[in-house]
């Protein structure tokens, strides 16, 4: 494995939030059955596919394979590819906002920017 570059200060970005969302535990099938948590698993899989291939290359078949669900289940929860991608954008913005709120929750008023960076 090649040597990694010198560490940089950790800054929360939309990209890191997307990566965290894609790696979230929701991507695995819960014990309640294959449909339990399916929308979250599908969204996490779509985020992973979009991160690897780009949004233009995301297909429902690929998302279904990554999420471990059928394409029909994606259509059950999301009307079509456009509806999935629109909901993905909303979901990812919720992830970013929640991460920012968590970072700022315990920060003193003068340390807000430092909290976002850490």
Protein backbone atom coordinates (compact mmCIF):
# COMPACT_ATOMS: atom_id res chain seq x y z
CA UNK A 1 0.00 0.00 0.00
CA UNK A 2 1.47 3.42 -0.90
CA UNK A 3 2.50 5.77 1.87
CA UNK A 4 -0.27 8.15 2.88
CA UNK A 5 0.26 11.91 2.71
CA UNK A 6 0.81 13.97 5.85
CA UNK A 7 -2.38 14.26 7.92
CA UNK A 8 -4.43 17.39 7.39
CA UNK A 9 -6.74 18.98 9.90
CA UNK A 10 -10.06 17.14 9.92
CA UNK A 11 -12.78 19.29 8.39
CA UNK A 12 -16.38 18.16 8.06
CA UNK A 13 -17.52 18.52 4.50
CA UNK A 14 -20.50 17.40 2.51
CA UNK A 15 -18.30 14.72 0.95
CA UNK A 16 -17.29 13.31 4.34
CA UNK A 17 -20.91 13.33 5.45
CA UNK A 18 -21.91 11.49 2.28
CA UNK A 19 -19.20 8.91 2.91
CA UNK A 20 -20.35 8.50 6.50
CA UNK A 21 -23.95 8.10 5.37
CA UNK A 22 -22.94 5.49 2.82
CA UNK A 23 -21.03 3.54 5.49
CA UNK A 24 -23.85 3.82 8.03
CA UNK A 25 -25.10 0.66 9.72
CA UNK A 26 -28.44 1.13 7.94
CA UNK A 27 -26.82 -0.46 4.89
CA UNK A 28 -27.19 -3.94 6.42
CA UNK A 29 -30.45 -5.84 6.68
CA UNK A 30 -32.08 -5.47 10.10
CA UNK A 31 -33.29 -8.53 12.01
CA UNK A 32 -36.96 -7.59 11.51
CA UNK A 33 -36.96 -8.78 7.93
CA UNK A 34 -35.83 -7.69 4.50
CA UNK A 35 -38.23 -4.73 4.27
CA UNK A 36 -37.44 -3.24 7.68
CA UNK A 37 -35.22 -0.22 7.13
CA UNK A 38 -35.28 -0.77 3.37
CA UNK A 39 -35.62 2.92 2.39
CA UNK A 40 -32.54 3.79 4.46
CA UNK A 41 -30.58 0.86 3.04
CA UNK A 42 -31.57 1.89 -0.47
CA UNK A 43 -30.56 5.51 0.17
CA UNK A 44 -27.23 4.44 1.67
CA UNK A 45 -26.59 2.20 -1.35
CA UNK A 46 -27.53 5.01 -3.74
CA UNK A 47 -25.13 7.34 -1.92
CA UNK A 48 -22.35 4.76 -2.22
CA UNK A 49 -23.05 4.24 -5.94
CA UNK A 50 -23.18 7.99 -6.59
CA UNK A 51 -19.90 8.44 -4.73
CA UNK A 52 -18.16 5.71 -6.72
CA UNK A 53 -19.68 6.14 -10.17
CA UNK A 54 -21.14 9.63 -10.22
CA UNK A 55 -24.84 10.47 -10.12
CA UNK A 56 -25.26 10.21 -13.89
CA UNK A 57 -24.17 6.55 -13.82
CA UNK A 58 -26.41 5.43 -10.92
CA UNK A 59 -28.81 2.70 -12.02
CA UNK A 60 -31.63 1.14 -10.02
CA UNK A 61 -30.22 -2.31 -10.76
CA UNK A 62 -26.83 -1.39 -9.29
CA UNK A 63 -28.43 0.27 -6.25
CA UNK A 64 -30.60 -2.83 -5.72
CA UNK A 65 -27.53 -5.06 -5.80
CA UNK A 66 -25.58 -2.92 -3.35
CA UNK A 67 -28.57 -2.57 -1.00
CA UNK A 68 -29.39 -6.28 -1.19
CA UNK A 69 -32.97 -5.64 -2.27
CA UNK A 70 -34.98 -6.20 -5.42
CA UNK A 71 -35.50 -3.51 -8.00
CA UNK A 72 -39.24 -3.87 -7.34
CA UNK A 73 -38.68 -2.88 -3.70
CA UNK A 74 -36.92 0.28 -4.85
CA UNK A 75 -39.97 1.08 -7.02
CA UNK A 76 -42.21 0.35 -4.03
CA UNK A 77 -40.45 3.01 -1.93
CA UNK A 78 -39.40 5.41 -4.71
CA UNK A 79 -41.46 5.97 -7.86
CA UNK A 80 -38.47 5.95 -10.22
CA UNK A 81 -34.77 6.83 -10.48
CA UNK A 82 -35.47 10.56 -10.40
CA UNK A 83 -37.55 10.22 -7.23
CA UNK A 84 -34.78 8.16 -5.62
CA UNK A 85 -32.13 10.73 -6.50
CA UNK A 86 -34.31 13.61 -5.31
CA UNK A 87 -34.89 11.85 -1.99
CA UNK A 88 -31.17 11.06 -1.81
CA UNK A 89 -30.35 14.77 -2.07
CA UNK A 90 -32.80 15.53 0.75
CA UNK A 91 -31.46 12.68 2.87
CA UNK A 92 -27.84 13.73 2.39
CA UNK A 93 -28.61 17.34 3.25
CA UNK A 94 -30.30 16.09 6.44
CA UNK A 95 -27.12 14.13 7.25
CA UNK A 96 -24.95 17.22 6.71
CA UNK A 97 -27.22 19.46 8.81
CA UNK A 98 -27.40 16.88 11.61
CA UNK A 99 -23.60 16.58 11.63
CA UNK A 100 -23.18 20.33 11.80
CA UNK A 101 -25.76 20.62 14.58
CA UNK A 102 -24.02 17.88 16.58
CA UNK A 103 -20.64 19.58 16.13
CA UNK A 104 -22.02 22.92 17.28
CA UNK A 105 -24.24 21.62 20.10
CA UNK A 106 -21.60 21.63 22.82
CA UNK A 107 -19.32 24.29 21.37
CA UNK A 108 -18.98 27.62 23.13
CA UNK A 109 -20.24 30.57 21.06
CA UNK A 110 -16.70 31.59 20.17
CA UNK A 111 -15.60 28.05 19.27
CA UNK A 112 -18.25 27.14 16.72
CA UNK A 113 -15.94 27.11 13.71
CA UNK A 114 -13.36 25.11 15.62
CA UNK A 115 -16.05 22.53 16.48
CA UNK A 116 -16.95 22.13 12.82
CA UNK A 117 -13.28 21.61 11.94
CA UNK A 118 -12.74 18.94 14.60
